[in-house]
Amino acid sequence: MVAVEVPKTLEYRGGQLDSAPVLEFGQRKQKEYVTGDERKAANLDQRLKSLIMFVLSDDQINSVINCLTAKSTRDDLILYHEGLSDVKKSRVMDLKLCYNTFKFKEGETLTQTFTIYKALMNELVNDSIKLSKLEINIGFINRLPNKWLSFCQSLRNTNHVKDSELASLFGKLKYEEKTIERYL
């Protein structure tokens, strides 16, 4: 067995100076140098990390398995789920731009347009962007094709846009669409 020389520092213990090894990152102290408080803190940290790992999926575990402390595990999980703050800000700006430029595409059905719009609304909610019911409803009906102009105006005039949920407005539009198709 090869002896390794460890650099020493002086540590004050029990009124006397003791020499203690200088530890590199990730190295553990020898048992005689670990205090009771350090042991308790390390134990609690390990228990907390185990609890965190217990509720994670396999791919999440793989991203944080090499973290040494519960805090570093937490930080890595935040990064895993939310991304860097710059990335998140960029994503929020992209979502707002998508919301502001959303429009009905030629050849899309009403259901397809609603599905795409609803998915966009879910993304906005997931990124903590809050829009009022009125903003959501107006955003949808204003971006429909011109054939819906008179029906959407009647919805606005009867306050259905202010009071209804988006799904309810979509139901009214679908009903109107089926009524029109019956008479054609």
Protein backbone atom coordinates (compact mmCIF):
# COMPACT_ATOMS: atom_id res chain seq x y z
CA MET A 1 0.00 0.00 0.00
CA VAL A 2 1.35 3.41 -1.00
CA ALA A 3 1.25 6.21 1.56
CA VAL A 4 -0.16 9.46 0.27
CA GLU A 5 1.00 12.68 1.85
CA VAL A 6 -1.99 14.93 2.61
CA PRO A 7 -1.35 18.64 3.17
CA LYS A 8 -2.23 19.68 6.70
CA THR A 9 -3.88 22.76 8.18
CA LEU A 10 -4.23 23.70 11.78
CA GLU A 11 -7.60 23.29 13.46
CA TYR A 12 -8.48 24.53 16.95
CA ARG A 13 -10.06 21.75 19.05
CA GLY A 14 -10.67 21.56 22.75
CA GLY A 15 -8.27 24.39 23.51
CA GLN A 16 -5.45 22.82 21.48
CA LEU A 17 -4.30 23.10 17.90
CA ASP A 18 -4.71 19.88 15.93
CA SER A 19 -3.55 19.31 12.41
CA ALA A 20 -6.33 18.40 10.00
CA PRO A 21 -6.01 17.37 6.38
CA VAL A 22 -7.03 19.85 3.68
CA LEU A 23 -9.80 18.18 1.70
CA GLU A 24 -10.34 18.35 -2.03
CA PHE A 25 -13.87 18.71 -3.43
CA GLY A 26 -15.83 15.48 -2.91
CA GLN A 27 -13.32 14.08 -0.42
CA ARG A 28 -14.63 12.96 2.97
CA LYS A 29 -13.14 13.82 6.34
CA GLN A 30 -11.68 11.06 8.39
CA LYS A 31 -14.04 9.96 11.15
CA GLU A 32 -12.00 11.53 13.92
CA TYR A 33 -12.38 14.98 12.33
CA VAL A 34 -16.17 14.87 11.77
CA THR A 35 -18.14 16.67 14.48
CA GLY A 36 -21.57 15.60 15.71
CA ASP A 37 -23.26 18.57 14.02
CA GLU A 38 -21.52 17.82 10.72
CA ARG A 39 -22.62 14.19 10.97
CA LYS A 40 -26.24 15.21 11.64
CA ALA A 41 -26.21 17.69 8.77
CA ALA A 42 -24.75 15.11 6.39
CA ASN A 43 -27.32 12.53 7.52
CA LEU A 44 -30.23 14.94 7.03
CA ASP A 45 -28.88 16.00 3.65
CA GLN A 46 -28.60 12.37 2.55
CA ARG A 47 -32.12 11.59 3.78
CA LEU A 48 -33.50 14.63 1.94
CA LYS A 49 -31.70 13.64 -1.25
CA SER A 50 -33.12 10.11 -0.92
CA LEU A 51 -36.65 11.50 -0.55
CA ILE A 52 -36.20 13.67 -3.62
CA MET A 53 -34.84 10.75 -5.65
CA PHE A 54 -37.72 8.52 -4.51
CA VAL A 55 -40.34 10.60 -6.37
CA LEU A 56 -38.40 11.14 -9.60
CA SER A 57 -38.81 9.31 -12.89
CA ASP A 58 -35.88 7.39 -14.36
CA ASP A 59 -34.82 10.10 -16.80
CA GLN A 60 -34.92 12.71 -14.02
CA ILE A 61 -32.87 10.47 -11.74
CA ASN A 62 -30.26 10.08 -14.46
CA SER A 63 -29.90 13.86 -14.68
CA VAL A 64 -29.26 14.29 -10.92
CA ILE A 65 -27.72 10.99 -9.83
CA ASN A 66 -24.21 12.43 -9.49
CA CYS A 67 -25.20 15.40 -7.32
CA LEU A 68 -23.47 15.34 -3.95
CA THR A 69 -26.00 17.32 -1.89
CA ALA A 70 -29.75 17.84 -1.75
CA LYS A 71 -29.24 21.49 -2.71
CA SER A 72 -27.29 20.63 -5.84
CA THR A 73 -29.98 18.03 -6.67
CA ARG A 74 -32.66 20.71 -6.27
CA ASP A 75 -30.74 23.17 -8.43
CA ASP A 76 -30.27 20.57 -11.18
CA LEU A 77 -33.97 19.67 -11.08
CA ILE A 78 -34.95 23.32 -11.46
CA LEU A 79 -32.64 23.57 -14.44
CA TYR A 80 -34.05 20.29 -15.82
CA HIS A 81 -37.67 21.49 -15.60
CA GLU A 82 -37.46 25.22 -16.19
CA GLY A 83 -34.23 25.67 -18.05
CA LEU A 84 -31.91 28.61 -17.58
CA SER A 85 -33.62 31.89 -16.73
CA ASP A 86 -32.54 33.35 -20.09
CA VAL A 87 -34.06 30.38 -21.89
CA LYS A 88 -37.29 30.77 -19.92
CA LYS A 89 -37.50 34.50 -20.70
CA SER A 90 -36.91 33.74 -24.36
CA ARG A 91 -39.63 31.07 -24.30
CA VAL A 92 -42.12 33.47 -22.68
CA MET A 93 -41.37 36.09 -25.34
CA ASP A 94 -41.84 33.48 -28.10
CA LEU A 95 -45.17 32.38 -26.62
CA LYS A 96 -46.41 35.97 -26.38
CA LEU A 97 -45.41 36.51 -29.99
CA CYS A 98 -47.26 33.33 -31.02
CA TYR A 99 -50.34 34.53 -29.14
CA ASN A 100 -50.23 37.98 -30.74
CA THR A 101 -49.74 36.63 -34.26
CA PHE A 102 -52.10 33.64 -34.02
CA LYS A 103 -54.59 33.45 -36.89
CA PHE A 104 -56.83 31.06 -38.74
CA LYS A 105 -54.96 29.30 -41.52
CA GLU A 106 -56.60 28.66 -44.87
CA GLY A 107 -57.78 25.07 -45.11
CA GLU A 108 -58.04 24.55 -41.33
CA THR A 109 -61.30 23.47 -39.80
CA LEU A 110 -62.80 25.29 -36.85
CA THR A 111 -61.89 22.33 -34.62
CA GLN A 112 -58.26 22.37 -35.76
CA THR A 113 -57.99 26.11 -35.13
CA PHE A 114 -59.54 25.71 -31.67
CA THR A 115 -57.18 22.83 -30.81
CA ILE A 116 -54.10 24.82 -31.81
CA TYR A 117 -55.32 27.90 -29.93
CA LYS A 118 -56.16 25.87 -26.81
CA ALA A 119 -52.69 24.25 -26.88
CA LEU A 120 -51.16 27.74 -27.08
CA MET A 121 -53.29 28.85 -24.10
CA ASN A 122 -52.09 25.80 -22.11
CA GLU A 123 -48.47 26.68 -22.89
CA LEU A 124 -49.06 30.25 -21.71
CA VAL A 125 -50.58 28.99 -18.44
CA ASN A 126 -47.69 26.53 -17.93
CA ASP A 127 -45.24 29.43 -18.21
CA SER A 128 -47.22 31.57 -15.73
CA ILE A 129 -48.53 34.03 -18.31
CA LYS A 130 -51.95 35.12 -17.13
CA LEU A 131 -54.64 36.30 -19.54
CA SER A 132 -58.17 37.25 -18.61
CA LYS A 133 -61.13 35.25 -19.89
CA LEU A 134 -62.08 38.21 -22.08
CA GLU A 135 -58.56 38.44 -23.62
CA ILE A 136 -58.59 34.72 -24.38
CA ASN A 137 -62.06 34.77 -25.94
CA ILE A 138 -61.51 37.95 -27.95
CA GLY A 139 -58.16 36.61 -29.12
CA PHE A 140 -59.89 33.51 -30.52
CA ILE A 141 -62.93 35.05 -32.19
CA ASN A 142 -60.98 37.97 -33.69
CA ARG A 143 -58.69 35.56 -35.51
CA LEU A 144 -61.43 33.52 -37.18
CA PRO A 145 -62.05 33.88 -40.92
CA ASN A 146 -64.41 36.55 -42.28
CA LYS A 147 -67.33 34.11 -42.65
CA TRP A 148 -67.63 34.20 -38.84
CA LEU A 149 -67.62 38.00 -38.63
CA SER A 150 -71.38 38.53 -38.18
CA PHE A 151 -71.79 35.64 -35.74
CA CYS A 152 -68.82 36.80 -33.64
CA GLN A 153 -70.24 40.33 -33.61
CA SER A 154 -73.52 38.99 -32.24
CA LEU A 155 -71.57 37.12 -29.54
CA ARG A 156 -69.84 40.38 -28.58
CA ASN A 157 -73.14 42.28 -28.49
CA THR A 158 -74.79 39.75 -26.18
CA ASN A 159 -71.83 39.70 -23.75
CA HIS A 160 -71.19 36.00 -24.38
CA VAL A 161 -67.54 36.86 -24.99
CA LYS A 162 -67.14 38.35 -21.49
CA ASP A 163 -69.09 35.72 -19.59
CA SER A 164 -68.37 32.43 -21.37
CA GLU A 165 -65.46 30.07 -21.22
CA LEU A 166 -63.46 29.45 -24.41
CA ALA A 167 -64.87 25.91 -24.72
CA SER A 168 -68.41 27.28 -24.49
CA LEU A 169 -67.73 29.78 -27.28
CA PHE A 170 -66.27 27.00 -29.37
CA GLY A 171 -69.44 24.93 -28.75
CA LYS A 172 -71.61 27.83 -29.96
CA LEU A 173 -69.44 28.22 -33.06
CA LYS A 174 -69.63 24.47 -33.79
CA TYR A 175 -73.41 24.53 -33.38
CA GLU A 176 -73.64 27.47 -35.80
CA GLU A 177 -71.33 25.67 -38.25
CA LYS A 178 -73.55 22.55 -38.22
CA THR A 179 -76.67 24.69 -38.64
CA ILE A 180 -75.17 26.40 -41.69
CA GLU A 181 -74.09 23.06 -43.18
CA ARG A 182 -77.65 21.68 -42.83
CA TYR A 183 -79.07 24.50 -44.91
CA LEU A 184 -76.46 24.23 -47.66
